[in-house]
N, C-alpha and C. Protein backbone atom coordinates (compact mmCIF):
# COMPACT_ATOMS: atom_id res chain seq x y z
N UNK A 1 0.87 -1.15 -0.05
CA UNK A 1 0.16 0.02 -0.02
C UNK A 1 0.90 1.22 -0.14
N UNK A 2 0.64 2.11 -0.98
CA UNK A 2 1.37 3.42 -0.94
C UNK A 2 0.64 4.49 -0.18
N UNK A 3 1.26 5.24 0.56
CA UNK A 3 0.61 6.39 1.35
C UNK A 3 1.27 7.53 0.61
N UNK A 4 0.22 8.42 0.08
CA UNK A 4 0.60 9.54 -0.58
C UNK A 4 0.18 10.76 0.31
N UNK A 5 1.17 11.46 0.98
CA UNK A 5 0.74 12.58 1.96
C UNK A 5 0.27 13.85 1.15
N UNK A 6 -0.35 14.68 1.93
CA UNK A 6 -0.79 15.97 1.42
C UNK A 6 0.13 17.10 1.99
N UNK A 7 0.41 18.10 1.19
CA UNK A 7 1.02 19.28 1.63
C UNK A 7 0.11 20.40 1.57
N UNK A 8 0.16 21.28 2.53
CA UNK A 8 -0.86 22.50 2.51
C UNK A 8 0.01 23.64 2.66
N UNK A 9 -0.46 24.75 2.13
CA UNK A 9 0.15 26.17 2.28
C UNK A 9 -0.54 27.24 1.59
N UNK A 10 -0.12 28.33 1.81
CA UNK A 10 -0.71 29.57 1.11
C UNK A 10 0.28 30.27 0.12
N UNK A 11 1.13 29.33 -0.41
CA UNK A 11 2.28 30.06 -1.21
C UNK A 11 1.89 30.24 -2.78
N UNK A 12 2.93 30.37 -3.66
CA UNK A 12 2.58 30.67 -4.97
C UNK A 12 1.92 29.40 -5.69
N UNK A 13 1.05 29.86 -6.62
CA UNK A 13 0.16 28.85 -7.39
C UNK A 13 0.87 28.49 -8.60
N UNK A 14 0.29 27.82 -9.35
CA UNK A 14 1.00 27.29 -10.69
C UNK A 14 1.17 28.60 -11.59
N UNK A 15 0.40 29.51 -11.58
CA UNK A 15 0.55 30.81 -12.34
C UNK A 15 1.42 31.75 -11.66
N UNK A 16 2.14 31.65 -10.64
CA UNK A 16 3.17 32.43 -9.94
C UNK A 16 2.56 33.37 -8.86
N UNK A 17 1.20 33.47 -8.75
CA UNK A 17 0.56 34.41 -7.76
C UNK A 17 0.47 33.80 -6.46
N UNK A 18 0.47 34.58 -5.35
CA UNK A 18 0.16 34.13 -4.11
C UNK A 18 -1.36 33.59 -3.86
N UNK A 19 -1.41 32.64 -3.26
CA UNK A 19 -2.92 32.05 -3.06
C UNK A 19 -3.52 32.98 -2.10
N UNK A 20 -4.96 33.23 -2.34
CA UNK A 20 -5.76 33.88 -1.34
C UNK A 20 -6.30 32.87 -0.41
N UNK A 21 -6.39 31.58 -0.70
CA UNK A 21 -6.90 30.64 0.15
C UNK A 21 -5.86 29.40 0.44
N UNK A 22 -6.03 28.56 1.46
CA UNK A 22 -5.28 27.40 1.76
C UNK A 22 -5.36 26.37 0.49
N UNK A 23 -4.29 26.04 0.04
CA UNK A 23 -4.12 25.12 -1.00
C UNK A 23 -3.40 23.77 -0.51
N UNK A 24 -3.65 22.71 -1.31
CA UNK A 24 -3.09 21.47 -1.03
C UNK A 24 -2.78 20.68 -2.18
N UNK A 25 -1.78 19.88 -2.11
CA UNK A 25 -1.55 18.79 -3.21
C UNK A 25 -1.07 17.55 -2.68
N UNK A 26 -1.19 16.61 -3.47
CA UNK A 26 -0.61 15.28 -3.05
C UNK A 26 0.70 15.08 -3.44
N UNK A 27 1.80 14.65 -2.66
CA UNK A 27 2.99 14.41 -3.01
C UNK A 27 3.49 12.91 -2.72
N UNK A 28 4.79 12.62 -3.00
CA UNK A 28 5.28 11.31 -2.65
C UNK A 28 6.48 11.41 -2.07
N UNK A 29 6.63 10.71 -0.73
CA UNK A 29 7.93 10.93 0.12
C UNK A 29 8.85 10.07 -0.78
N UNK A 30 10.02 10.66 -1.13
CA UNK A 30 11.15 10.14 -1.94
C UNK A 30 12.03 9.58 -1.20
N UNK A 31 13.07 8.61 -1.66
CA UNK A 31 14.23 8.19 -1.06
C UNK A 31 15.28 9.37 -0.98
N UNK A 32 16.10 9.33 -0.02
CA UNK A 32 17.25 10.30 -0.10
C UNK A 32 17.88 10.24 -1.50
N UNK A 33 18.14 8.84 -1.93
CA UNK A 33 18.96 8.57 -3.13
C UNK A 33 18.28 9.24 -4.31
N UNK A 34 17.01 9.06 -4.48
CA UNK A 34 16.15 9.69 -5.51
C UNK A 34 16.52 11.12 -5.55
N UNK A 35 16.53 11.82 -4.47
CA UNK A 35 16.56 13.39 -4.56
C UNK A 35 18.17 13.68 -4.91
N UNK A 36 18.98 13.00 -4.27
CA UNK A 36 20.44 13.12 -4.32
C UNK A 36 20.82 12.98 -5.86
N UNK A 37 20.16 12.05 -6.56
CA UNK A 37 20.38 11.80 -7.98
C UNK A 37 19.85 12.98 -8.88
N UNK A 38 18.69 13.46 -8.39
CA UNK A 38 18.11 14.63 -9.22
C UNK A 38 18.98 15.79 -9.25
N UNK A 39 19.71 16.24 -8.16
CA UNK A 39 20.38 17.46 -8.06
C UNK A 39 21.39 17.41 -6.93
N UNK A 40 22.54 17.82 -6.94
CA UNK A 40 23.76 17.60 -5.98
C UNK A 40 23.37 18.72 -4.90
N UNK A 41 22.37 19.65 -5.03
CA UNK A 41 22.03 20.62 -3.95
C UNK A 41 21.49 19.81 -2.72
N UNK A 42 20.86 18.81 -3.06
CA UNK A 42 20.30 18.10 -1.99
C UNK A 42 21.50 17.35 -0.85
N UNK A 43 22.55 17.30 -1.48
CA UNK A 43 23.75 16.78 -0.40
C UNK A 43 23.84 17.67 0.71
N UNK A 44 23.62 18.87 0.62
CA UNK A 44 23.76 19.74 1.76
C UNK A 44 22.53 19.90 2.52
N UNK A 45 21.39 19.54 2.08
CA UNK A 45 20.13 19.72 2.75
C UNK A 45 19.54 18.45 3.53
N UNK A 46 19.91 17.35 3.09
CA UNK A 46 19.28 15.98 3.58
C UNK A 46 20.22 15.42 4.67
N UNK A 47 19.56 15.10 5.76
CA UNK A 47 20.17 14.50 6.98
C UNK A 47 19.22 13.65 7.81
N UNK A 48 19.50 13.34 9.03
CA UNK A 48 18.71 12.41 9.71
C UNK A 48 17.37 13.09 10.25
N UNK A 49 17.38 14.53 10.19
CA UNK A 49 16.32 15.37 10.64
C UNK A 49 15.26 16.05 9.65
N UNK A 50 15.79 15.42 8.47
CA UNK A 50 14.53 15.88 7.39
C UNK A 50 14.55 14.83 6.26
N UNK A 51 13.67 14.99 5.26
CA UNK A 51 13.32 14.18 4.14
C UNK A 51 12.88 14.90 3.11
N UNK A 52 12.82 14.09 1.93
CA UNK A 52 12.62 14.82 0.71
C UNK A 52 11.28 14.19 0.10
N UNK A 53 10.52 15.09 -0.46
CA UNK A 53 9.12 14.68 -1.08
C UNK A 53 8.87 15.43 -2.26
N UNK A 54 7.95 14.97 -2.99
CA UNK A 54 7.64 15.91 -4.29
C UNK A 54 6.95 15.02 -5.20
N UNK A 55 6.47 15.61 -6.30
CA UNK A 55 5.82 14.78 -7.45
C UNK A 55 6.79 14.44 -8.54
N UNK A 56 8.17 15.08 -8.42
CA UNK A 56 9.13 14.77 -9.28
C UNK A 56 9.36 15.92 -10.24
N UNK A 57 10.62 15.89 -10.78
CA UNK A 57 11.01 16.96 -11.71
C UNK A 57 9.85 17.17 -12.69
N UNK A 58 9.67 18.40 -13.15
CA UNK A 58 8.83 18.88 -14.35
C UNK A 58 7.28 18.74 -13.79
N UNK A 59 6.92 18.47 -12.41
CA UNK A 59 5.54 18.40 -12.12
C UNK A 59 4.93 19.70 -11.94
N UNK A 60 5.69 20.85 -11.54
CA UNK A 60 5.30 22.35 -11.31
C UNK A 60 4.04 22.19 -10.30
N UNK A 61 4.06 21.21 -9.40
CA UNK A 61 2.81 21.28 -8.34
C UNK A 61 3.38 20.90 -7.06
N UNK A 62 4.55 21.50 -6.64
CA UNK A 62 5.26 21.09 -5.40
C UNK A 62 5.16 22.52 -4.55
N UNK A 63 5.44 22.51 -3.24
CA UNK A 63 5.27 23.66 -2.42
C UNK A 63 6.40 24.72 -2.97
N UNK A 64 6.08 25.93 -2.76
CA UNK A 64 6.85 27.14 -3.35
C UNK A 64 6.97 28.21 -2.45
N UNK A 65 7.42 29.31 -2.82
CA UNK A 65 7.58 30.65 -2.03
C UNK A 65 6.17 30.74 -1.30
N UNK A 66 6.34 31.02 0.05
CA UNK A 66 5.21 31.33 0.80
C UNK A 66 4.55 29.94 1.49
N UNK A 67 5.19 28.79 1.23
CA UNK A 67 4.63 27.61 1.82
C UNK A 67 5.48 27.01 2.77
N UNK A 68 6.61 27.77 3.10
CA UNK A 68 7.51 27.24 4.26
C UNK A 68 6.68 27.33 5.50
N UNK A 69 6.91 26.34 6.30
CA UNK A 69 6.20 26.26 7.63
C UNK A 69 4.88 25.51 7.65
N UNK A 70 4.38 25.15 6.28
CA UNK A 70 3.34 24.48 6.13
C UNK A 70 3.41 23.02 6.40
N UNK A 71 2.50 22.15 6.70
CA UNK A 71 2.63 20.73 6.99
C UNK A 71 2.44 19.82 5.82
N UNK A 72 3.20 18.85 6.09
CA UNK A 72 2.99 17.50 5.21
C UNK A 72 2.20 16.55 6.14
N UNK A 73 1.06 16.11 5.75
CA UNK A 73 0.37 15.35 6.63
C UNK A 73 -0.01 14.10 5.96
N UNK A 74 -0.31 12.96 6.55
CA UNK A 74 -0.83 11.73 6.26
C UNK A 74 -2.09 11.34 7.02
N UNK A 75 -2.99 10.79 6.19
CA UNK A 75 -4.20 10.29 6.90
C UNK A 75 -4.01 8.87 7.31
N UNK A 76 -4.27 8.74 8.61
CA UNK A 76 -4.23 7.34 9.15
C UNK A 76 -5.58 6.87 9.79
N UNK A 77 -5.76 5.61 9.87
CA UNK A 77 -7.00 5.11 10.47
C UNK A 77 -6.62 4.34 11.63
N UNK A 78 -7.22 5.05 12.78
CA UNK A 78 -7.01 4.76 14.16
C UNK A 78 -8.33 3.90 14.69
N UNK A 79 -8.33 2.64 14.39
CA UNK A 79 -9.53 1.92 14.94
C UNK A 79 -10.78 2.46 14.33
N UNK A 80 -10.80 2.62 12.98
CA UNK A 80 -12.03 3.00 12.22
C UNK A 80 -12.26 4.48 12.32
N UNK A 81 -11.36 5.39 12.95
CA UNK A 81 -11.56 6.75 12.96
C UNK A 81 -10.23 7.34 12.34
N UNK A 82 -10.53 8.05 11.23
CA UNK A 82 -9.44 8.58 10.52
C UNK A 82 -9.00 9.96 11.11
N UNK A 83 -7.56 9.98 11.09
CA UNK A 83 -6.92 11.22 11.56
C UNK A 83 -5.88 11.63 10.62
N UNK A 84 -5.80 13.04 10.53
CA UNK A 84 -4.56 13.50 9.75
C UNK A 84 -3.36 13.71 10.78
N UNK A 85 -2.19 13.16 10.47
CA UNK A 85 -0.96 13.29 11.30
C UNK A 85 -0.01 14.08 10.64
N UNK A 86 0.61 15.03 11.27
CA UNK A 86 1.72 15.63 10.63
C UNK A 86 2.94 15.00 10.62
N UNK A 87 3.76 14.82 9.59
CA UNK A 87 4.88 14.07 9.53
C UNK A 87 6.06 15.05 9.04
N UNK A 88 5.77 16.15 8.48
CA UNK A 88 6.85 17.03 8.08
C UNK A 88 6.43 18.46 8.04
N UNK A 89 7.31 19.42 8.04
CA UNK A 89 7.26 20.75 7.91
C UNK A 89 7.93 21.16 6.77
N UNK A 90 7.37 21.99 5.81
CA UNK A 90 7.83 22.53 4.65
C UNK A 90 9.23 23.37 4.98
N UNK A 91 10.13 23.05 4.36
CA UNK A 91 11.39 23.70 4.90
C UNK A 91 12.10 24.36 3.71
N UNK A 92 12.67 23.58 2.81
CA UNK A 92 13.61 24.26 1.75
C UNK A 92 13.22 23.67 0.51
N UNK A 93 13.02 24.68 -0.62
CA UNK A 93 12.88 24.27 -1.91
C UNK A 93 13.84 24.75 -2.78
N UNK A 94 14.35 24.09 -3.59
CA UNK A 94 15.43 24.45 -4.64
C UNK A 94 15.01 25.70 -5.43
N UNK A 95 16.08 26.66 -5.61
CA UNK A 95 15.64 27.98 -6.36
C UNK A 95 15.94 27.87 -7.74
N UNK A 96 15.17 28.55 -8.60
CA UNK A 96 15.51 28.63 -10.07
C UNK A 96 16.78 29.34 -10.07
N UNK A 97 17.55 29.00 -11.11
CA UNK A 97 18.88 29.69 -11.36
C UNK A 97 18.79 31.17 -11.50
N UNK A 98 19.61 31.93 -10.78
CA UNK A 98 19.82 33.26 -10.73
C UNK A 98 18.54 34.16 -10.26
N UNK A 99 17.62 33.44 -9.25
CA UNK A 99 16.68 34.06 -8.74
C UNK A 99 16.36 33.64 -7.31
N UNK A 100 15.52 34.35 -6.59
CA UNK A 100 15.18 33.88 -5.23
C UNK A 100 13.90 33.23 -5.17
N UNK A 101 13.37 32.90 -6.28
CA UNK A 101 12.15 32.24 -6.62
C UNK A 101 12.33 30.69 -6.57
N UNK A 102 11.34 29.90 -5.99
CA UNK A 102 11.61 28.37 -5.91
C UNK A 102 11.26 28.02 -7.25
N UNK A 103 11.85 26.76 -7.45
CA UNK A 103 11.52 25.97 -8.70
C UNK A 103 10.68 24.73 -8.29
N UNK A 104 9.37 25.02 -8.59
CA UNK A 104 8.16 24.24 -8.24
C UNK A 104 8.28 22.85 -9.09
N UNK A 105 9.24 22.73 -9.92
CA UNK A 105 9.32 21.55 -10.66
C UNK A 105 10.27 20.61 -10.06
N UNK A 106 10.74 20.91 -8.68
CA UNK A 106 11.88 20.03 -8.08
C UNK A 106 11.31 19.67 -6.65
N UNK A 107 11.99 18.55 -6.19
CA UNK A 107 11.67 18.12 -4.80
C UNK A 107 11.82 19.08 -3.79
N UNK A 108 11.27 18.92 -2.69
CA UNK A 108 11.35 19.83 -1.45
C UNK A 108 11.75 19.01 -0.30
N UNK A 109 12.43 19.82 0.54
CA UNK A 109 12.89 19.23 1.81
C UNK A 109 11.94 19.61 2.94
N UNK A 110 11.68 18.45 3.65
CA UNK A 110 10.83 18.87 4.87
C UNK A 110 11.58 18.31 6.07
N UNK A 111 11.26 19.21 7.28
CA UNK A 111 11.85 18.92 8.55
C UNK A 111 10.91 17.75 8.95
N UNK A 112 11.47 16.67 9.61
CA UNK A 112 10.65 15.55 10.12
C UNK A 112 10.28 15.85 11.39
N UNK A 113 8.94 15.61 11.65
CA UNK A 113 8.48 15.92 12.98
C UNK A 113 8.88 14.85 14.05
N UNK A 114 9.03 13.61 13.80
CA UNK A 114 9.24 12.60 14.62
C UNK A 114 10.40 12.71 15.65
N UNK A 115 11.52 13.28 15.00
CA UNK A 115 12.64 13.46 15.91
C UNK A 115 12.49 14.41 17.14
N UNK A 116 11.43 15.31 16.90
CA UNK A 116 11.16 16.41 17.81
C UNK A 116 9.89 16.23 18.74
N UNK A 117 9.39 14.87 18.51
CA UNK A 117 8.02 14.57 19.18
C UNK A 117 8.09 14.73 20.65
N UNK A 118 9.30 14.30 21.25
CA UNK A 118 9.27 14.28 22.87
C UNK A 118 9.36 15.83 23.30
N UNK A 119 10.17 16.52 22.51
CA UNK A 119 10.26 18.02 22.80
C UNK A 119 8.96 18.72 22.68
N UNK A 120 8.23 18.46 21.49
CA UNK A 120 7.07 19.09 21.29
C UNK A 120 5.92 18.63 22.38
N UNK A 121 5.86 17.56 22.83
CA UNK A 121 4.90 17.14 23.74
C UNK A 121 5.20 17.80 25.07
N UNK A 122 6.67 17.93 25.40
CA UNK A 122 7.00 18.56 26.55
C UNK A 122 6.77 20.03 26.66
N UNK A 123 6.36 20.74 25.62
CA UNK A 123 6.15 22.01 25.70
C UNK A 123 4.72 22.50 25.24
N UNK A 124 3.83 21.42 25.27
CA UNK A 124 2.47 21.80 25.05
C UNK A 124 1.69 22.20 26.21
């Protein structure tokens, strides 16, 4: 069974404008190897505290400018009751060459929530 998480945010849309409402898209969590093979920039970004996800190169439907801090969530069934659980926080997107604009055709790096679970629970 494949689980495809959703990413939510208020960032730039497919036409480059900022969204007036919360948007979401379904992505796929990628292996580190997949992201590393797609671009060497990921060598500096991936470690045990984050992961890579996205629809893949040339999809143009990944998180972008304005989406940082948004959640990557997965729907789980807990005893017949479905719940959305946050797995990651949108962190870094590759930039287009010579700009400060993200490249929505590339994978995005997310901060993994699990390594921080105890800290989060201790501060609620």
